[in-house]
Amino acid sequence: MPRTRKLTWAPGAGGRKGRWRKKYRGVLHYFDGGRGKSDDAAYQAALTQWQTVKAKIDLAAPSPHHGAYAAAIAQWEEVLTCSRRNGDDPMGNVALEKLGRLRSDQQRGVRKPPSREDLFANYFLPEVRRPKLEAAYREIGALAESLVAATLPGRQASQDSTTGGEESPLPLSRAIVPDPHAMFQPDPLAIESVVWEDRLKTMRRQAVDQELTIKVQLQRFLALQGSKVDANQLSL
């Protein structure tokens, strides 16, 4: 299986030797290719040079979305910790997948914000978790509305006339054809969202309680020892 290279080989032309290159933020950077594409030592040297160049670029002009990626990564790291504490391996695997993608994009300096699907706040949205089912719901709803409008034109017109031409608060088609989402009430995703909100709140509260407990105990211990020093019962 061929190895994955972080640099791309650029063959030489016009008597010039081949070089390693890297495109970053729209700019091409070239590095010495040594004896050729199979020269591993030259590749490693070029890779080291690139990492140095990238660090300088990032330090001078960080991505405008760096903060957004950092916040998203911190959120999923918290979810990963909570998953391990609760033995929730499926969610832990999701967190690892999201973290890998977010960190990769952040390191590459992607010039766009994190994708909607990679944010934990959106993880429990139906259109994110079950996009195909949501698309089917929309198709069913559109089809139902068109069928009702086609089969009951007189009743719809009558309803419009009684409301003085104003828009009805509930379309006739929606009154006849129920919302497909009503079949999943309460929605499992909504329940899962509440469970995770409670888990994260509990974990944060425990962390604060533990910190306060250690801090208070340490302060009491130091105060006690200080009083002994003041009473010449203990050397400083």
C-alpha atoms as a PDB file:
ATOM      1  CA  MET A   1       0.000   0.000   0.000  1.00  0.00           C
ATOM      2  CA  PRO A   2       1.541   3.343  -1.024  1.00  0.00           C
ATOM      3  CA  ARG A   3       2.413   5.776   1.724  1.00  0.00           C
ATOM      4  CA  THR A   4       0.451   8.997   2.066  1.00  0.00           C
ATOM      5  CA  ARG A   5       2.686  12.003   1.501  1.00  0.00           C
ATOM      6  CA  LYS A   6       1.931  15.413   2.951  1.00  0.00           C
ATOM      7  CA  LEU A   7       3.964  17.016   0.162  1.00  0.00           C
ATOM      8  CA  THR A   8       3.374  16.636  -3.569  1.00  0.00           C
ATOM      9  CA  TRP A   9       6.129  15.732  -6.011  1.00  0.00           C
ATOM     10  CA  ALA A  10       6.614  18.222  -8.841  1.00  0.00           C
ATOM     11  CA  PRO A  11       8.663  16.748 -11.733  1.00  0.00           C
ATOM     12  CA  GLY A  12      11.403  18.967 -13.117  1.00  0.00           C
ATOM     13  CA  ALA A  13      11.281  20.550 -16.560  1.00  0.00           C
ATOM     14  CA  GLY A  14      13.811  22.259 -18.828  1.00  0.00           C
ATOM     15  CA  GLY A  15      16.770  20.711 -17.064  1.00  0.00           C
ATOM     16  CA  ARG A  16      15.503  21.614 -13.595  1.00  0.00           C
ATOM     17  CA  LYS A  17      15.349  18.870 -10.960  1.00  0.00           C
ATOM     18  CA  GLY A  18      12.098  17.763  -9.452  1.00  0.00           C
ATOM     19  CA  ARG A  19      10.982  19.328  -6.180  1.00  0.00           C
ATOM     20  CA  TRP A  20       8.556  18.766  -3.352  1.00  0.00           C
ATOM     21  CA  ARG A  21       5.749  21.292  -3.124  1.00  0.00           C
ATOM     22  CA  LYS A  22       2.907  22.265  -0.824  1.00  0.00           C
ATOM     23  CA  LYS A  23      -0.028  24.584  -1.557  1.00  0.00           C
ATOM     24  CA  TYR A  24      -1.173  26.406   1.545  1.00  0.00           C
ATOM     25  CA  ARG A  25      -3.690  29.219   1.659  1.00  0.00           C
ATOM     26  CA  GLY A  26      -3.452  29.660  -2.075  1.00  0.00           C
ATOM     27  CA  VAL A  27       0.366  29.892  -2.209  1.00  0.00           C
ATOM     28  CA  LEU A  28       2.760  27.218  -3.521  1.00  0.00           C
ATOM     29  CA  HIS A  29       5.879  26.444  -1.513  1.00  0.00           C
ATOM     30  CA  TYR A  30       8.753  24.418  -3.018  1.00  0.00           C
ATOM     31  CA  PHE A  31      11.463  22.349  -1.337  1.00  0.00           C
ATOM     32  CA  ASP A  32      14.577  20.526  -2.560  1.00  0.00           C
ATOM     33  CA  GLY A  33      13.813  17.109  -4.045  1.00  0.00           C
ATOM     34  CA  GLY A  34      17.266  15.601  -3.512  1.00  0.00           C
ATOM     35  CA  ARG A  35      17.977  12.670  -5.810  1.00  0.00           C
ATOM     36  CA  GLY A  36      14.346  12.242  -6.815  1.00  0.00           C
ATOM     37  CA  LYS A  37      10.895  11.197  -5.700  1.00  0.00           C
ATOM     38  CA  SER A  38      12.160   8.034  -3.992  1.00  0.00           C
ATOM     39  CA  ASP A  39      14.767   9.915  -1.905  1.00  0.00           C
ATOM     40  CA  ASP A  40      13.199   9.476   1.545  1.00  0.00           C
ATOM     41  CA  ALA A  41      15.871  11.505   3.324  1.00  0.00           C
ATOM     42  CA  ALA A  42      15.239  14.475   1.026  1.00  0.00           C
ATOM     43  CA  TYR A  43      11.492  14.117   1.556  1.00  0.00           C
ATOM     44  CA  GLN A  44      11.838  14.131   5.338  1.00  0.00           C
ATOM     45  CA  ALA A  45      14.093  17.189   5.142  1.00  0.00           C
ATOM     46  CA  ALA A  46      11.542  18.944   2.906  1.00  0.00           C
ATOM     47  CA  LEU A  47       8.720  17.992   5.279  1.00  0.00           C
ATOM     48  CA  THR A  48      10.621  19.457   8.241  1.00  0.00           C
ATOM     49  CA  GLN A  49      11.205  22.658   6.300  1.00  0.00           C
ATOM     50  CA  TRP A  50       7.536  22.856   5.398  1.00  0.00           C
ATOM     51  CA  GLN A  51       6.432  22.435   9.003  1.00  0.00           C
ATOM     52  CA  THR A  52       8.707  25.323   9.980  1.00  0.00           C
ATOM     53  CA  VAL A  53       7.337  27.498   7.170  1.00  0.00           C
ATOM     54  CA  LYS A  54       3.734  26.623   8.076  1.00  0.00           C
ATOM     55  CA  ALA A  55       4.297  27.499  11.738  1.00  0.00           C
ATOM     56  CA  LYS A  56       5.606  30.931  10.750  1.00  0.00           C
ATOM     57  CA  ILE A  57       2.670  31.529   8.409  1.00  0.00           C
ATOM     58  CA  ASP A  58       0.119  30.527  11.032  1.00  0.00           C
ATOM     59  CA  LEU A  59       1.785  32.694  13.664  1.00  0.00           C
ATOM     60  CA  ALA A  60       1.861  35.713  11.383  1.00  0.00           C
ATOM     61  CA  ALA A  61      -1.673  35.349  10.015  1.00  0.00           C
ATOM     62  CA  PRO A  62      -3.862  32.757  11.763  1.00  0.00           C
ATOM     63  CA  SER A  63      -7.015  31.613  10.038  1.00  0.00           C
ATOM     64  CA  PRO A  64      -9.959  33.944  10.754  1.00  0.00           C
ATOM     65  CA  HIS A  65     -11.923  30.860  11.791  1.00  0.00           C
ATOM     66  CA  HIS A  66      -9.244  29.509  14.160  1.00  0.00           C
ATOM     67  CA  GLY A  67     -11.340  30.446  17.198  1.00  0.00           C
ATOM     68  CA  ALA A  68     -14.413  28.698  15.826  1.00  0.00           C
ATOM     69  CA  TYR A  69     -12.427  25.502  15.283  1.00  0.00           C
ATOM     70  CA  ALA A  70     -10.901  25.750  18.759  1.00  0.00           C
ATOM     71  CA  ALA A  71     -14.345  26.112  20.328  1.00  0.00           C
ATOM     72  CA  ALA A  72     -15.755  23.180  18.337  1.00  0.00           C
ATOM     73  CA  ILE A  73     -12.780  21.003  19.266  1.00  0.00           C
ATOM     74  CA  ALA A  74     -13.097  21.901  22.955  1.00  0.00           C
ATOM     75  CA  GLN A  75     -16.796  20.971  22.864  1.00  0.00           C
ATOM     76  CA  TRP A  76     -16.164  17.551  21.314  1.00  0.00           C
ATOM     77  CA  GLU A  77     -13.260  16.903  23.717  1.00  0.00           C
ATOM     78  CA  GLU A  78     -15.718  17.471  26.563  1.00  0.00           C
ATOM     79  CA  VAL A  79     -18.179  15.082  24.897  1.00  0.00           C
ATOM     80  CA  LEU A  80     -15.421  12.474  24.487  1.00  0.00           C
ATOM     81  CA  THR A  81     -14.514  12.703  28.183  1.00  0.00           C
ATOM     82  CA  CYS A  82     -18.166  12.419  29.176  1.00  0.00           C
ATOM     83  CA  SER A  83     -18.652   9.450  26.823  1.00  0.00           C
ATOM     84  CA  ARG A  84     -15.801   7.544  28.434  1.00  0.00           C
ATOM     85  CA  ARG A  85     -17.114   8.254  31.921  1.00  0.00           C
ATOM     86  CA  ASN A  86     -20.573   6.984  30.987  1.00  0.00           C
ATOM     87  CA  GLY A  87     -19.379   4.025  28.901  1.00  0.00           C
ATOM     88  CA  ASP A  88     -21.050   5.448  25.794  1.00  0.00           C
ATOM     89  CA  ASP A  89     -18.773   3.985  23.115  1.00  0.00           C
ATOM     90  CA  PRO A  90     -20.929   4.983  20.097  1.00  0.00           C
ATOM     91  CA  MET A  91     -20.887   8.655  21.070  1.00  0.00           C
ATOM     92  CA  GLY A  92     -17.209   8.399  21.918  1.00  0.00           C
ATOM     93  CA  ASN A  93     -16.522   7.140  18.393  1.00  0.00           C
ATOM     94  CA  VAL A  94     -18.524  10.038  16.953  1.00  0.00           C
ATOM     95  CA  ALA A  95     -16.503  12.495  19.042  1.00  0.00           C
ATOM     96  CA  LEU A  96     -13.219  10.968  17.846  1.00  0.00           C
ATOM     97  CA  GLU A  97     -14.352  11.210  14.227  1.00  0.00           C
ATOM     98  CA  LYS A  98     -15.399  14.852  14.599  1.00  0.00           C
ATOM     99  CA  LEU A  99     -12.195  15.750  16.438  1.00  0.00           C
ATOM    100  CA  GLY A 100     -10.047  14.171  13.738  1.00  0.00           C
ATOM    101  CA  ARG A 101     -11.770  16.133  10.976  1.00  0.00           C
ATOM    102  CA  LEU A 102     -11.830  19.443  12.868  1.00  0.00           C
ATOM    103  CA  ARG A 103      -8.171  19.213  13.893  1.00  0.00           C
ATOM    104  CA  SER A 104      -7.135  18.321  10.361  1.00  0.00           C
ATOM    105  CA  ASP A 105      -9.011  21.310   8.920  1.00  0.00           C
ATOM    106  CA  GLN A 106      -7.642  23.607  11.607  1.00  0.00           C
ATOM    107  CA  GLN A 107      -4.056  22.518  10.967  1.00  0.00           C
ATOM    108  CA  ARG A 108      -4.491  22.945   7.217  1.00  0.00           C
ATOM    109  CA  GLY A 109      -5.681  26.500   7.822  1.00  0.00           C
ATOM    110  CA  VAL A 110      -8.995  26.018   6.031  1.00  0.00           C
ATOM    111  CA  ARG A 111     -10.383  29.416   5.065  1.00  0.00           C
ATOM    112  CA  LYS A 112     -13.962  28.595   5.980  1.00  0.00           C
ATOM    113  CA  PRO A 113     -15.760  27.955   9.290  1.00  0.00           C
ATOM    114  CA  PRO A 114     -16.402  24.444  10.614  1.00  0.00           C
ATOM    115  CA  SER A 115     -19.139  22.651   8.724  1.00  0.00           C
ATOM    116  CA  ARG A 116     -22.607  22.671  10.219  1.00  0.00           C
ATOM    117  CA  GLU A 117     -22.521  18.892  10.612  1.00  0.00           C
ATOM    118  CA  ASP A 118     -19.319  19.009  12.701  1.00  0.00           C
ATOM    119  CA  LEU A 119     -20.716  21.228  15.462  1.00  0.00           C
ATOM    120  CA  PHE A 120     -21.987  19.443  18.562  1.00  0.00           C
ATOM    121  CA  ALA A 121     -24.842  21.951  18.927  1.00  0.00           C
ATOM    122  CA  ASN A 122     -26.275  20.680  15.629  1.00  0.00           C
ATOM    123  CA  TYR A 123     -25.656  16.980  16.241  1.00  0.00           C
ATOM    124  CA  PHE A 124     -29.219  16.336  17.425  1.00  0.00           C
ATOM    125  CA  LEU A 125     -30.964  18.159  14.572  1.00  0.00           C
ATOM    126  CA  PRO A 126     -33.046  15.804  12.385  1.00  0.00           C
ATOM    127  CA  GLU A 127     -31.653  17.233   9.142  1.00  0.00           C
ATOM    128  CA  VAL A 128     -28.111  16.483  10.365  1.00  0.00           C
ATOM    129  CA  ARG A 129     -28.645  13.039  11.874  1.00  0.00           C
ATOM    130  CA  ARG A 130     -31.181  11.694   9.389  1.00  0.00           C
ATOM    131  CA  PRO A 131     -30.973  13.870   6.255  1.00  0.00           C
ATOM    132  CA  LYS A 132     -32.471  11.259   3.924  1.00  0.00           C
ATOM    133  CA  LEU A 133     -35.525  10.802   6.143  1.00  0.00           C
ATOM    134  CA  GLU A 134     -35.981  14.564   6.432  1.00  0.00           C
ATOM    135  CA  ALA A 135     -35.768  14.891   2.646  1.00  0.00           C
ATOM    136  CA  ALA A 136     -38.430  12.192   2.334  1.00  0.00           C
ATOM    137  CA  TYR A 137     -40.640  14.086   4.817  1.00  0.00           C
ATOM    138  CA  ARG A 138     -40.363  17.233   2.711  1.00  0.00           C
ATOM    139  CA  GLU A 139     -41.224  15.335  -0.459  1.00  0.00           C
ATOM    140  CA  ILE A 140     -44.240  13.704   1.195  1.00  0.00           C
ATOM    141  CA  GLY A 141     -45.438  17.044   2.531  1.00  0.00           C
ATOM    142  CA  ALA A 142     -45.066  18.776  -0.842  1.00  0.00           C
ATOM    143  CA  LEU A 143     -46.833  15.912  -2.618  1.00  0.00           C
ATOM    144  CA  ALA A 144     -49.680  15.874  -0.091  1.00  0.00           C
ATOM    145  CA  GLU A 145     -50.208  19.606  -0.394  1.00  0.00           C
ATOM    146  CA  SER A 146     -50.276  19.446  -4.185  1.00  0.00           C
ATOM    147  CA  LEU A 147     -52.770  16.552  -4.128  1.00  0.00           C
ATOM    148  CA  VAL A 148     -55.073  18.316  -1.678  1.00  0.00           C
ATOM    149  CA  ALA A 149     -54.908  21.560  -3.652  1.00  0.00           C
ATOM    150  CA  ALA A 150     -55.752  19.659  -6.846  1.00  0.00           C
ATOM    151  CA  THR A 151     -58.663  17.643  -5.424  1.00  0.00           C
ATOM    152  CA  LEU A 152     -60.277  20.338  -3.248  1.00  0.00           C
ATOM    153  CA  PRO A 153     -59.996  23.594  -5.242  1.00  0.00           C
ATOM    154  CA  GLY A 154     -63.550  24.731  -4.460  1.00  0.00           C
ATOM    155  CA  ARG A 155     -63.178  24.226  -0.720  1.00  0.00           C
ATOM    156  CA  GLN A 156     -59.854  26.041  -0.670  1.00  0.00           C
ATOM    157  CA  ALA A 157     -61.354  28.970  -2.602  1.00  0.00           C
ATOM    158  CA  SER A 158     -64.331  29.040  -0.215  1.00  0.00           C
ATOM    159  CA  GLN A 159     -62.019  29.106   2.747  1.00  0.00           C
ATOM    160  CA  ASP A 160     -60.033  31.973   1.194  1.00  0.00           C
ATOM    161  CA  SER A 161     -63.248  33.974   0.627  1.00  0.00           C
ATOM    162  CA  THR A 162     -64.414  33.528   4.213  1.00  0.00           C
ATOM    163  CA  THR A 163     -61.109  34.839   5.536  1.00  0.00           C
ATOM    164  CA  GLY A 164     -61.323  37.929   3.356  1.00  0.00           C
ATOM    165  CA  GLY A 165     -58.374  36.842   1.205  1.00  0.00           C
ATOM    166  CA  GLU A 166     -56.069  36.689   4.229  1.00  0.00           C
ATOM    167  CA  GLU A 167     -53.694  33.801   4.645  1.00  0.00           C
ATOM    168  CA  SER A 168     -55.101  31.019   6.802  1.00  0.00           C
ATOM    169  CA  PRO A 169     -53.057  30.307   9.964  1.00  0.00           C
ATOM    170  CA  LEU A 170     -53.111  26.585   9.017  1.00  0.00           C
ATOM    171  CA  PRO A 171     -53.119  25.533   5.334  1.00  0.00           C
ATOM    172  CA  LEU A 172     -55.990  23.271   4.408  1.00  0.00           C
ATOM    173  CA  SER A 173     -53.604  20.606   3.152  1.00  0.00           C
ATOM    174  CA  ARG A 174     -51.780  20.608   6.481  1.00  0.00           C
ATOM    175  CA  ALA A 175     -55.063  20.278   8.355  1.00  0.00           C
ATOM    176  CA  ILE A 176     -55.956  17.190   6.309  1.00  0.00           C
ATOM    177  CA  VAL A 177     -52.492  15.608   5.989  1.00  0.00           C
ATOM    178  CA  PRO A 178     -50.716  15.355   9.368  1.00  0.00           C
ATOM    179  CA  ASP A 179     -47.083  16.316   9.811  1.00  0.00           C
ATOM    180  CA  PRO A 180     -44.936  13.162   9.331  1.00  0.00           C
ATOM    181  CA  HIS A 181     -42.841  14.223  12.334  1.00  0.00           C
ATOM    182  CA  ALA A 182     -45.888  13.607  14.528  1.00  0.00           C
ATOM    183  CA  MET A 183     -45.228   9.871  14.144  1.00  0.00           C
ATOM    184  CA  PHE A 184     -42.071  10.289  16.264  1.00  0.00           C
ATOM    185  CA  GLN A 185     -43.285  12.103  19.356  1.00  0.00           C
ATOM    186  CA  PRO A 186     -41.427  12.492  21.551  1.00  0.00           C
ATOM    187  CA  ASP A 187     -38.619  12.589  18.998  1.00  0.00           C
ATOM    188  CA  PRO A 188     -35.747  10.234  20.000  1.00  0.00           C
ATOM    189  CA  LEU A 189     -33.249  12.919  18.979  1.00  0.00           C
ATOM    190  CA  ALA A 190     -34.899  15.429  21.307  1.00  0.00           C
ATOM    191  CA  ILE A 191     -34.658  12.910  24.159  1.00  0.00           C
ATOM    192  CA  GLU A 192     -31.013  12.201  23.345  1.00  0.00           C
ATOM    193  CA  SER A 193     -30.291  15.931  23.319  1.00  0.00           C
ATOM    194  CA  VAL A 194     -31.781  16.388  26.790  1.00  0.00           C
ATOM    195  CA  VAL A 195     -29.829  13.394  28.122  1.00  0.00           C
ATOM    196  CA  TRP A 196     -26.552  14.786  26.832  1.00  0.00           C
ATOM    197  CA  GLU A 197     -27.272  18.274  28.096  1.00  0.00           C
ATOM    198  CA  ASP A 198     -27.820  16.800  31.554  1.00  0.00           C
ATOM    199  CA  ARG A 199     -24.660  14.656  31.327  1.00  0.00           C
ATOM    200  CA  LEU A 200     -22.462  17.602  30.393  1.00  0.00           C
ATOM    201  CA  LYS A 201     -23.969  19.845  33.070  1.00  0.00           C
ATOM    202  CA  THR A 202     -23.406  17.148  35.692  1.00  0.00           C
ATOM    203  CA  MET A 203     -19.786  16.637  34.614  1.00  0.00           C
ATOM    204  CA  ARG A 204     -19.074  20.380  34.701  1.00  0.00           C
ATOM    205  CA  ARG A 205     -20.707  20.731  38.124  1.00  0.00           C
ATOM    206  CA  GLN A 206     -18.675  17.834  39.512  1.00  0.00           C
ATOM    207  CA  ALA A 207     -15.482  19.375  38.182  1.00  0.00           C
ATOM    208  CA  VAL A 208     -16.296  22.699  39.866  1.00  0.00           C
ATOM    209  CA  ASP A 209     -17.297  20.995  43.118  1.00  0.00           C
ATOM    210  CA  GLN A 210     -14.072  18.995  43.176  1.00  0.00           C
ATOM    211  CA  GLU A 211     -11.971  22.083  42.522  1.00  0.00           C
ATOM    212  CA  LEU A 212     -13.735  24.024  45.247  1.00  0.00           C
ATOM    213  CA  THR A 213     -13.428  21.143  47.674  1.00  0.00           C
ATOM    214  CA  ILE A 214      -9.674  20.830  47.124  1.00  0.00           C
ATOM    215  CA  LYS A 215      -9.243  24.598  47.314  1.00  0.00           C
ATOM    216  CA  VAL A 216     -11.234  24.920  50.542  1.00  0.00           C
ATOM    217  CA  GLN A 217      -9.438  22.009  52.182  1.00  0.00           C
ATOM    218  CA  LEU A 218      -6.055  23.419  51.209  1.00  0.00           C
ATOM    219  CA  GLN A 219      -6.948  26.843  52.560  1.00  0.00           C
ATOM    220  CA  ARG A 220      -8.112  25.339  55.846  1.00  0.00           C
ATOM    221  CA  PHE A 221      -4.942  23.263  56.137  1.00  0.00           C
ATOM    222  CA  LEU A 222      -2.700  26.265  55.486  1.00  0.00           C
ATOM    223  CA  ALA A 223      -4.666  28.395  57.952  1.00  0.00           C
ATOM    224  CA  LEU A 224      -4.309  25.716  60.635  1.00  0.00           C
ATOM    225  CA  GLN A 225      -0.595  25.318  60.051  1.00  0.00           C
ATOM    226  CA  GLY A 226      -0.194  29.100  60.009  1.00  0.00           C
ATOM    227  CA  SER A 227      -1.873  29.425  63.370  1.00  0.00           C
ATOM    228  CA  LYS A 228       0.543  26.813  64.779  1.00  0.00           C
ATOM    229  CA  VAL A 229       3.465  28.818  63.439  1.00  0.00           C
ATOM    230  CA  ASP A 230       2.088  31.982  65.058  1.00  0.00           C
ATOM    231  CA  ALA A 231       1.759  30.096  68.363  1.00  0.00           C
ATOM    232  CA  ASN A 232       5.352  28.796  68.056  1.00  0.00           C
ATOM    233  CA  GLN A 233       4.035  25.255  67.928  1.00  0.00           C
ATOM    234  CA  LEU A 234       5.419  24.668  64.435  1.00  0.00           C
ATOM    235  CA  SER A 235       8.427  26.009  62.604  1.00  0.00           C
ATOM    236  CA  LEU A 236       7.859  27.869  59.357  1.00  0.00           C
END
